[in-house]
Amino acid sequence: VGGPIWLGPLHDQTFVRELLDNIETMKLGTKKRLIGVLSVVNEELDTPLYYVLDRL
């Protein structure tokens, strides 16, 4: 059995892109890791979740 499914966007793509554009100017100890996470978030597909009932 399952629960509710979130169908809306998980991230604000504009905000993520702005962070990636400006991250080099920030003094952060985990800059490489943060760039990696933000890059993965930025590359996520913005496709709606769907399923076919007869294939479950």
PDB file of N, CA and C in Angstrom:
ATOM      1  N   VAL A   1       0.864  -1.162   0.000  1.00  0.00           N
ATOM      2  CA  VAL A   1       0.000   0.000   0.000  1.00  0.00           C
ATOM      3  C   VAL A   1       0.905   1.217   0.000  1.00  0.00           C
ATOM      4  N   GLY A   2       0.428   2.310  -0.503  1.00  0.00           N
ATOM      5  CA  GLY A   2       1.239   3.507  -0.594  1.00  0.00           C
ATOM      6  C   GLY A   2       0.584   4.706   0.046  1.00  0.00           C
ATOM      7  N   GLY A   3       1.284   5.777  -0.015  1.00  0.00           N
ATOM      8  CA  GLY A   3       0.786   7.025   0.538  1.00  0.00           C
ATOM      9  C   GLY A   3       0.622   8.055  -0.548  1.00  0.00           C
ATOM     10  N   PRO A   4       0.524   9.306  -0.160  1.00  0.00           N
ATOM     11  CA  PRO A   4       0.353  10.370  -1.152  1.00  0.00           C
ATOM     12  C   PRO A   4       1.608  10.531  -2.021  1.00  0.00           C
ATOM     13  N   ILE A   5       1.417  10.986  -3.230  1.00  0.00           N
ATOM     14  CA  ILE A   5       2.520  11.219  -4.166  1.00  0.00           C
ATOM     15  C   ILE A   5       2.598  12.714  -4.444  1.00  0.00           C
ATOM     16  N   TRP A   6       3.785  13.291  -4.278  1.00  0.00           N
ATOM     17  CA  TRP A   6       3.982  14.713  -4.576  1.00  0.00           C
ATOM     18  C   TRP A   6       4.154  14.861  -6.078  1.00  0.00           C
ATOM     19  N   LEU A   7       3.291  15.643  -6.716  1.00  0.00           N
ATOM     20  CA  LEU A   7       3.332  15.803  -8.166  1.00  0.00           C
ATOM     21  C   LEU A   7       3.893  17.149  -8.597  1.00  0.00           C
ATOM     22  N   GLY A   8       4.153  18.036  -7.651  1.00  0.00           N
ATOM     23  CA  GLY A   8       4.658  19.363  -7.982  1.00  0.00           C
ATOM     24  C   GLY A   8       6.169  19.364  -8.143  1.00  0.00           C
ATOM     25  N   PRO A   9       6.732  20.496  -8.529  1.00  0.00           N
ATOM     26  CA  PRO A   9       8.186  20.593  -8.683  1.00  0.00           C
ATOM     27  C   PRO A   9       8.892  20.450  -7.330  1.00  0.00           C
ATOM     28  N   LEU A  10      10.043  19.798  -7.335  1.00  0.00           N
ATOM     29  CA  LEU A  10      10.800  19.605  -6.104  1.00  0.00           C
ATOM     30  C   LEU A  10      11.730  20.774  -5.810  1.00  0.00           C
ATOM     31  N   HIS A  11      12.160  21.480  -6.853  1.00  0.00           N
ATOM     32  CA  HIS A  11      13.129  22.555  -6.692  1.00  0.00           C
ATOM     33  C   HIS A  11      12.729  23.750  -7.543  1.00  0.00           C
ATOM     34  N   ASP A  12      13.183  24.918  -7.124  1.00  0.00           N
ATOM     35  CA  ASP A  12      13.022  26.130  -7.924  1.00  0.00           C
ATOM     36  C   ASP A  12      14.242  26.212  -8.846  1.00  0.00           C
ATOM     37  N   GLN A  13      14.050  25.848 -10.106  1.00  0.00           N
ATOM     38  CA  GLN A  13      15.166  25.760 -11.058  1.00  0.00           C
ATOM     39  C   GLN A  13      15.907  27.089 -11.211  1.00  0.00           C
ATOM     40  N   THR A  14      15.198  28.201 -11.202  1.00  0.00           N
ATOM     41  CA  THR A  14      15.843  29.508 -11.334  1.00  0.00           C
ATOM     42  C   THR A  14      16.784  29.750 -10.162  1.00  0.00           C
ATOM     43  N   PHE A  15      16.328  29.451  -8.960  1.00  0.00           N
ATOM     44  CA  PHE A  15      17.142  29.632  -7.760  1.00  0.00           C
ATOM     45  C   PHE A  15      18.381  28.740  -7.792  1.00  0.00           C
ATOM     46  N   VAL A  16      18.214  27.498  -8.209  1.00  0.00           N
ATOM     47  CA  VAL A  16      19.342  26.562  -8.283  1.00  0.00           C
ATOM     48  C   VAL A  16      20.370  27.056  -9.296  1.00  0.00           C
ATOM     49  N   ARG A  17      19.912  27.535 -10.457  1.00  0.00           N
ATOM     50  CA  ARG A  17      20.843  28.058 -11.469  1.00  0.00           C
ATOM     51  C   ARG A  17      21.579  29.289 -10.956  1.00  0.00           C
ATOM     52  N   GLU A  18      20.875  30.165 -10.244  1.00  0.00           N
ATOM     53  CA  GLU A  18      21.523  31.357  -9.688  1.00  0.00           C
ATOM     54  C   GLU A  18      22.568  30.975  -8.644  1.00  0.00           C
ATOM     55  N   LEU A  19      22.270  29.969  -7.831  1.00  0.00           N
ATOM     56  CA  LEU A  19      23.266  29.488  -6.867  1.00  0.00           C
ATOM     57  C   LEU A  19      24.505  28.968  -7.584  1.00  0.00           C
ATOM     58  N   LEU A  20      24.303  28.167  -8.625  1.00  0.00           N
ATOM     59  CA  LEU A  20      25.443  27.635  -9.376  1.00  0.00           C
ATOM     60  C   LEU A  20      26.251  28.750 -10.032  1.00  0.00           C
ATOM     61  N   ASP A  21      25.578  29.780 -10.518  1.00  0.00           N
ATOM     62  CA  ASP A  21      26.279  30.893 -11.160  1.00  0.00           C
ATOM     63  C   ASP A  21      27.106  31.702 -10.164  1.00  0.00           C
ATOM     64  N   ASN A  22      26.658  31.778  -8.914  1.00  0.00           N
ATOM     65  CA  ASN A  22      27.311  32.642  -7.928  1.00  0.00           C
ATOM     66  C   ASN A  22      28.129  31.897  -6.881  1.00  0.00           C
ATOM     67  N   ILE A  23      28.200  30.596  -6.960  1.00  0.00           N
ATOM     68  CA  ILE A  23      28.853  29.821  -5.900  1.00  0.00           C
ATOM     69  C   ILE A  23      30.364  30.065  -5.838  1.00  0.00           C
ATOM     70  N   GLU A  24      30.965  30.415  -6.945  1.00  0.00           N
ATOM     71  CA  GLU A  24      32.414  30.653  -6.953  1.00  0.00           C
ATOM     72  C   GLU A  24      32.798  31.870  -6.122  1.00  0.00           C
ATOM     73  N   THR A  25      31.886  32.796  -5.922  1.00  0.00           N
ATOM     74  CA  THR A  25      32.185  34.000  -5.138  1.00  0.00           C
ATOM     75  C   THR A  25      32.013  33.763  -3.642  1.00  0.00           C
ATOM     76  N   MET A  26      31.493  32.615  -3.253  1.00  0.00           N
ATOM     77  CA  MET A  26      31.225  32.314  -1.845  1.00  0.00           C
ATOM     78  C   MET A  26      32.394  31.558  -1.226  1.00  0.00           C
ATOM     79  N   LYS A  27      32.644  31.824   0.050  1.00  0.00           N
ATOM     80  CA  LYS A  27      33.686  31.104   0.786  1.00  0.00           C
ATOM     81  C   LYS A  27      33.015  29.960   1.527  1.00  0.00           C
ATOM     82  N   LEU A  28      33.155  28.768   0.977  1.00  0.00           N
ATOM     83  CA  LEU A  28      32.526  27.582   1.551  1.00  0.00           C
ATOM     84  C   LEU A  28      33.542  26.455   1.643  1.00  0.00           C
ATOM     85  N   GLY A  29      33.515  25.723   2.734  1.00  0.00           N
ATOM     86  CA  GLY A  29      34.422  24.591   2.898  1.00  0.00           C
ATOM     87  C   GLY A  29      34.015  23.383   2.075  1.00  0.00           C
ATOM     88  N   THR A  30      32.761  23.320   1.719  1.00  0.00           N
ATOM     89  CA  THR A  30      32.244  22.164   0.972  1.00  0.00           C
ATOM     90  C   THR A  30      31.785  22.572  -0.424  1.00  0.00           C
ATOM     91  N   LYS A  31      32.508  23.489  -1.022  1.00  0.00           N
ATOM     92  CA  LYS A  31      32.097  24.036  -2.322  1.00  0.00           C
ATOM     93  C   LYS A  31      31.994  22.959  -3.404  1.00  0.00           C
ATOM     94  N   LYS A  32      32.976  22.058  -3.479  1.00  0.00           N
ATOM     95  CA  LYS A  32      32.939  21.007  -4.515  1.00  0.00           C
ATOM     96  C   LYS A  32      31.709  20.122  -4.346  1.00  0.00           C
ATOM     97  N   ARG A  33      31.432  19.735  -3.121  1.00  0.00           N
ATOM     98  CA  ARG A  33      30.277  18.871  -2.857  1.00  0.00           C
ATOM     99  C   ARG A  33      28.977  19.598  -3.181  1.00  0.00           C
ATOM    100  N   LEU A  34      28.881  20.854  -2.798  1.00  0.00           N
ATOM    101  CA  LEU A  34      27.682  21.642  -3.065  1.00  0.00           C
ATOM    102  C   LEU A  34      27.464  21.829  -4.561  1.00  0.00           C
ATOM    103  N   ILE A  35      28.529  22.064  -5.304  1.00  0.00           N
ATOM    104  CA  ILE A  35      28.415  22.179  -6.762  1.00  0.00           C
ATOM    105  C   ILE A  35      27.907  20.864  -7.344  1.00  0.00           C
ATOM    106  N   GLY A  36      28.393  19.741  -6.827  1.00  0.00           N
ATOM    107  CA  GLY A  36      27.936  18.440  -7.304  1.00  0.00           C
ATOM    108  C   GLY A  36      26.455  18.217  -7.049  1.00  0.00           C
ATOM    109  N   VAL A  37      26.011  18.515  -5.835  1.00  0.00           N
ATOM    110  CA  VAL A  37      24.596  18.324  -5.492  1.00  0.00           C
ATOM    111  C   VAL A  37      23.716  19.254  -6.317  1.00  0.00           C
ATOM    112  N   LEU A  38      24.097  20.520  -6.410  1.00  0.00           N
ATOM    113  CA  LEU A  38      23.299  21.481  -7.177  1.00  0.00           C
ATOM    114  C   LEU A  38      23.272  21.126  -8.660  1.00  0.00           C
ATOM    115  N   SER A  39      24.364  20.581  -9.178  1.00  0.00           N
ATOM    116  CA  SER A  39      24.389  20.172 -10.584  1.00  0.00           C
ATOM    117  C   SER A  39      23.419  19.024 -10.833  1.00  0.00           C
ATOM    118  N   VAL A  40      23.388  18.060  -9.919  1.00  0.00           N
ATOM    119  CA  VAL A  40      22.444  16.942 -10.049  1.00  0.00           C
ATOM    120  C   VAL A  40      21.011  17.458  -9.983  1.00  0.00           C
ATOM    121  N   VAL A  41      20.738  18.349  -9.040  1.00  0.00           N
ATOM    122  CA  VAL A  41      19.396  18.930  -8.908  1.00  0.00           C
ATOM    123  C   VAL A  41      19.023  19.681 -10.181  1.00  0.00           C
ATOM    124  N   ASN A  42      19.963  20.433 -10.731  1.00  0.00           N
ATOM    125  CA  ASN A  42      19.707  21.230 -11.931  1.00  0.00           C
ATOM    126  C   ASN A  42      19.437  20.353 -13.151  1.00  0.00           C
ATOM    127  N   GLU A  43      20.032  19.154 -13.190  1.00  0.00           N
ATOM    128  CA  GLU A  43      19.881  18.269 -14.345  1.00  0.00           C
ATOM    129  C   GLU A  43      18.683  17.324 -14.242  1.00  0.00           C
ATOM    130  N   GLU A  44      17.962  17.364 -13.117  1.00  0.00           N
ATOM    131  CA  GLU A  44      16.791  16.497 -12.983  1.00  0.00           C
ATOM    132  C   GLU A  44      15.745  16.863 -14.018  1.00  0.00           C
ATOM    133  N   LEU A  45      15.109  15.852 -14.567  1.00  0.00           N
ATOM    134  CA  LEU A  45      14.067  16.083 -15.562  1.00  0.00           C
ATOM    135  C   LEU A  45      12.811  16.615 -14.891  1.00  0.00           C
ATOM    136  N   ASP A  46      12.181  17.566 -15.528  1.00  0.00           N
ATOM    137  CA  ASP A  46      10.952  18.150 -15.007  1.00  0.00           C
ATOM    138  C   ASP A  46       9.767  17.504 -15.717  1.00  0.00           C
ATOM    139  N   THR A  47       9.649  16.180 -15.550  1.00  0.00           N
ATOM    140  CA  THR A  47       8.559  15.448 -16.191  1.00  0.00           C
ATOM    141  C   THR A  47       7.559  15.019 -15.131  1.00  0.00           C
ATOM    142  N   PRO A  48       6.306  15.011 -15.471  1.00  0.00           N
ATOM    143  CA  PRO A  48       5.304  14.610 -14.480  1.00  0.00           C
ATOM    144  C   PRO A  48       5.391  13.116 -14.169  1.00  0.00           C
ATOM    145  N   LEU A  49       5.076  12.780 -12.939  1.00  0.00           N
ATOM    146  CA  LEU A  49       5.036  11.383 -12.536  1.00  0.00           C
ATOM    147  C   LEU A  49       3.741  10.766 -13.046  1.00  0.00           C
ATOM    148  N   TYR A  50       3.845   9.598 -13.645  1.00  0.00           N
ATOM    149  CA  TYR A  50       2.640   8.905 -14.089  1.00  0.00           C
ATOM    150  C   TYR A  50       2.885   7.408 -14.052  1.00  0.00           C
ATOM    151  N   TYR A  51       1.818   6.673 -14.044  1.00  0.00           N
ATOM    152  CA  TYR A  51       1.906   5.228 -14.100  1.00  0.00           C
ATOM    153  C   TYR A  51       0.675   4.689 -14.799  1.00  0.00           C
ATOM    154  N   VAL A  52       0.803   3.485 -15.326  1.00  0.00           N
ATOM    155  CA  VAL A  52      -0.302   2.820 -16.008  1.00  0.00           C
ATOM    156  C   VAL A  52      -0.834   1.754 -15.054  1.00  0.00           C
ATOM    157  N   LEU A  53      -2.095   1.861 -14.676  1.00  0.00           N
ATOM    158  CA  LEU A  53      -2.655   0.972 -13.659  1.00  0.00           C
ATOM    159  C   LEU A  53      -2.542  -0.505 -14.016  1.00  0.00           C
ATOM    160  N   ASP A  54      -2.749  -0.861 -15.263  1.00  0.00           N
ATOM    161  CA  ASP A  54      -2.711  -2.285 -15.614  1.00  0.00           C
ATOM    162  C   ASP A  54      -1.291  -2.855 -15.644  1.00  0.00           C
ATOM    163  N   ARG A  55      -0.282  -2.029 -15.457  1.00  0.00           N
ATOM    164  CA  ARG A  55       1.104  -2.518 -15.428  1.00  0.00           C
ATOM    165  C   ARG A  55       1.691  -2.519 -14.023  1.00  0.00           C
ATOM    166  N   LEU A  56       0.899  -2.177 -13.029  1.00  0.00           N
ATOM    167  CA  LEU A  56       1.402  -2.173 -11.653  1.00  0.00           C
ATOM    168  C   LEU A  56       1.513  -3.562 -11.092  1.00  0.00           C
TER     169      LEU A  56
END
